[in-house]
């Protein structure tokens, strides 16, 4: 199987900080000011879902969706 890079914005240190939900990829994007939960839709467009203070989500931590159960 051939690999394909979806985004260069997901750090190698954030290896567990992504998940698929509702036909979209959600991942942690960091910059110097904020940590952002970003959704990439089926057309490849990025949407900010939530923002957090910079480095409030530590490296090597995983994100996962929360169920309604």
C-alpha atoms as a PDB file:
ATOM      1  CA  UNK A   1       0.000   0.000   0.000  1.00  0.00           C
ATOM      2  CA  UNK A   2       1.318   3.435  -0.915  1.00  0.00           C
ATOM      3  CA  UNK A   3       1.444   6.040   1.852  1.00  0.00           C
ATOM      4  CA  UNK A   4       0.042   9.539   1.431  1.00  0.00           C
ATOM      5  CA  UNK A   5       0.763  12.600   3.579  1.00  0.00           C
ATOM      6  CA  UNK A   6      -2.488  14.336   4.470  1.00  0.00           C
ATOM      7  CA  UNK A   7      -0.988  17.295   6.339  1.00  0.00           C
ATOM      8  CA  UNK A   8       2.452  18.496   7.352  1.00  0.00           C
ATOM      9  CA  UNK A   9       0.910  20.280  10.363  1.00  0.00           C
ATOM     10  CA  UNK A  10       0.780  17.208  12.619  1.00  0.00           C
ATOM     11  CA  UNK A  11       4.018  16.962  14.566  1.00  0.00           C
ATOM     12  CA  UNK A  12       5.855  13.638  14.913  1.00  0.00           C
ATOM     13  CA  UNK A  13       5.654  14.211  18.680  1.00  0.00           C
ATOM     14  CA  UNK A  14       1.862  14.196  18.383  1.00  0.00           C
ATOM     15  CA  UNK A  15       1.701  10.689  16.904  1.00  0.00           C
ATOM     16  CA  UNK A  16      -1.548   9.863  18.728  1.00  0.00           C
ATOM     17  CA  UNK A  17      -3.264  13.193  18.224  1.00  0.00           C
ATOM     18  CA  UNK A  18      -5.602  12.412  15.358  1.00  0.00           C
ATOM     19  CA  UNK A  19      -8.771  10.455  14.693  1.00  0.00           C
ATOM     20  CA  UNK A  20     -11.426   9.971  12.028  1.00  0.00           C
ATOM     21  CA  UNK A  21     -15.011  10.971  12.804  1.00  0.00           C
ATOM     22  CA  UNK A  22     -17.966  11.621  10.498  1.00  0.00           C
ATOM     23  CA  UNK A  23     -15.895  11.194   7.325  1.00  0.00           C
ATOM     24  CA  UNK A  24     -13.321  13.785   8.411  1.00  0.00           C
ATOM     25  CA  UNK A  25      -9.812  13.678   9.847  1.00  0.00           C
ATOM     26  CA  UNK A  26      -9.420  15.544  13.135  1.00  0.00           C
ATOM     27  CA  UNK A  27      -5.932  16.358  14.375  1.00  0.00           C
ATOM     28  CA  UNK A  28      -3.912  18.571  16.709  1.00  0.00           C
ATOM     29  CA  UNK A  29      -2.252  21.540  15.010  1.00  0.00           C
ATOM     30  CA  UNK A  30       0.174  23.673  16.991  1.00  0.00           C
ATOM     31  CA  UNK A  31       1.617  27.127  16.446  1.00  0.00           C
ATOM     32  CA  UNK A  32       3.403  29.621  18.707  1.00  0.00           C
ATOM     33  CA  UNK A  33       0.143  30.951  20.132  1.00  0.00           C
ATOM     34  CA  UNK A  34      -2.406  28.119  20.229  1.00  0.00           C
ATOM     35  CA  UNK A  35      -3.032  24.393  20.138  1.00  0.00           C
ATOM     36  CA  UNK A  36      -5.904  23.764  17.718  1.00  0.00           C
ATOM     37  CA  UNK A  37      -8.173  20.845  17.054  1.00  0.00           C
ATOM     38  CA  UNK A  38      -8.584  20.961  13.273  1.00  0.00           C
ATOM     39  CA  UNK A  39     -10.935  19.020  11.018  1.00  0.00           C
ATOM     40  CA  UNK A  40     -10.045  18.220   7.400  1.00  0.00           C
ATOM     41  CA  UNK A  41     -13.228  17.577   5.451  1.00  0.00           C
ATOM     42  CA  UNK A  42     -13.706  15.300   2.443  1.00  0.00           C
ATOM     43  CA  UNK A  43     -12.632  18.046   0.050  1.00  0.00           C
ATOM     44  CA  UNK A  44      -9.374  18.685   1.939  1.00  0.00           C
ATOM     45  CA  UNK A  45     -10.449  21.982   3.517  1.00  0.00           C
ATOM     46  CA  UNK A  46      -9.270  22.600   7.108  1.00  0.00           C
ATOM     47  CA  UNK A  47     -11.677  23.951   9.746  1.00  0.00           C
ATOM     48  CA  UNK A  48     -10.704  25.012  13.282  1.00  0.00           C
ATOM     49  CA  UNK A  49     -12.915  23.091  15.727  1.00  0.00           C
ATOM     50  CA  UNK A  50     -11.509  24.192  19.102  1.00  0.00           C
ATOM     51  CA  UNK A  51      -8.539  26.184  20.358  1.00  0.00           C
ATOM     52  CA  UNK A  52      -6.513  25.835  23.561  1.00  0.00           C
ATOM     53  CA  UNK A  53      -3.685  27.815  25.172  1.00  0.00           C
ATOM     54  CA  UNK A  54      -0.315  26.994  23.633  1.00  0.00           C
ATOM     55  CA  UNK A  55       1.082  23.619  24.747  1.00  0.00           C
ATOM     56  CA  UNK A  56      -1.898  22.852  26.987  1.00  0.00           C
ATOM     57  CA  UNK A  57      -1.983  19.434  25.292  1.00  0.00           C
ATOM     58  CA  UNK A  58       1.349  17.780  26.013  1.00  0.00           C
ATOM     59  CA  UNK A  59       3.481  15.951  23.465  1.00  0.00           C
ATOM     60  CA  UNK A  60       3.005  12.190  23.115  1.00  0.00           C
ATOM     61  CA  UNK A  61      -0.628  12.387  24.262  1.00  0.00           C
ATOM     62  CA  UNK A  62      -3.501  10.979  22.247  1.00  0.00           C
ATOM     63  CA  UNK A  63      -6.784  12.569  21.271  1.00  0.00           C
ATOM     64  CA  UNK A  64      -9.962  10.605  20.780  1.00  0.00           C
ATOM     65  CA  UNK A  65     -13.599  11.437  20.185  1.00  0.00           C
ATOM     66  CA  UNK A  66     -15.983  11.222  23.098  1.00  0.00           C
ATOM     67  CA  UNK A  67     -19.078   9.091  22.624  1.00  0.00           C
ATOM     68  CA  UNK A  68     -22.621   9.955  23.580  1.00  0.00           C
ATOM     69  CA  UNK A  69     -23.048   6.821  25.691  1.00  0.00           C
END
